[in-house]
Amino acid sequence: RGEADLFIFPGYEFKVVNAMLTYFHLPKSTLLMLVSAFASRPATLQAYQHAVEERYRFYSYGDCMLIF
């Protein structure tokens, strides 16, 4: 039906959502960029560091996080 040329990256101002439920994404993925835009890059890096230290499971069938 069409396509979008919007790419959401850190600094994007979200206007509708105030929370996000998502899993831990692959490095260098567009979904990780979306999480970084929503939560900020430093907060995302801190969450991922904690996940690695605590041995959370990553990717589609792993653990998830609620960001608000």
Protein backbone atom coordinates (compact mmCIF):
# COMPACT_ATOMS: atom_id res chain seq x y z
CA ARG A 1 0.00 0.00 0.00
CA GLY A 2 2.93 2.29 0.53
CA GLU A 3 6.12 2.70 2.40
CA ALA A 4 7.51 4.96 5.08
CA ASP A 5 10.76 6.81 5.06
CA LEU A 6 10.78 7.43 8.82
CA PHE A 7 13.81 6.11 10.70
CA ILE A 8 13.56 6.47 14.47
CA PHE A 9 16.90 7.03 16.20
CA PRO A 10 18.07 8.61 19.48
CA GLY A 11 16.75 12.13 19.72
CA TYR A 12 13.37 11.28 18.17
CA GLU A 13 10.48 12.74 20.17
CA PHE A 14 7.73 10.17 20.75
CA LYS A 15 4.28 11.76 20.78
CA VAL A 16 1.86 8.90 21.51
CA VAL A 17 3.50 6.13 23.55
CA ASN A 18 4.88 6.44 27.07
CA ALA A 19 5.94 2.82 27.63
CA MET A 20 7.42 -0.04 25.60
CA LEU A 21 7.47 -3.78 26.22
CA THR A 22 10.22 -5.41 24.18
CA TYR A 23 12.90 -8.06 24.31
CA PHE A 24 16.68 -7.70 24.24
CA HIS A 25 17.59 -7.17 20.58
CA LEU A 26 20.63 -8.05 18.52
CA PRO A 27 23.53 -5.60 18.41
CA LYS A 28 23.46 -3.15 15.48
CA SER A 29 19.78 -3.86 14.78
CA THR A 30 17.17 -1.27 13.90
CA LEU A 31 15.07 -2.51 16.83
CA LEU A 32 17.92 -1.75 19.23
CA MET A 33 18.05 1.73 17.70
CA LEU A 34 14.32 2.10 18.44
CA VAL A 35 14.87 1.11 22.09
CA SER A 36 17.76 3.59 22.34
CA ALA A 37 15.57 6.32 20.92
CA PHE A 38 12.84 5.60 23.44
CA ALA A 39 14.94 5.08 26.57
CA SER A 40 18.14 7.00 25.65
CA ARG A 41 21.40 5.44 24.63
CA PRO A 42 22.98 5.55 28.13
CA ALA A 43 19.93 3.91 29.75
CA THR A 44 19.85 1.23 27.04
CA LEU A 45 23.55 0.46 27.46
CA GLN A 46 23.08 0.22 31.23
CA ALA A 47 20.12 -2.15 30.83
CA TYR A 48 22.05 -4.36 28.41
CA GLN A 49 25.09 -4.42 30.70
CA HIS A 50 22.86 -5.55 33.57
CA ALA A 51 21.26 -8.19 31.32
CA VAL A 52 24.67 -9.58 30.35
CA GLU A 53 25.89 -9.64 33.97
CA GLU A 54 22.72 -11.40 35.14
CA ARG A 55 22.76 -13.81 32.19
CA TYR A 56 19.42 -12.76 30.75
CA ARG A 57 18.39 -14.46 27.53
CA PHE A 58 18.49 -12.35 24.40
CA TYR A 59 16.64 -12.28 21.07
CA SER A 60 13.07 -13.24 20.23
CA TYR A 61 12.62 -16.06 22.74
CA GLY A 62 14.54 -14.48 25.57
CA ASP A 63 13.72 -12.17 28.44
CA CYS A 64 11.89 -8.92 27.93
CA MET A 65 11.97 -5.47 29.49
CA LEU A 66 9.35 -2.86 30.23
CA ILE A 67 10.58 0.65 29.52
CA PHE A 68 8.72 3.74 30.71
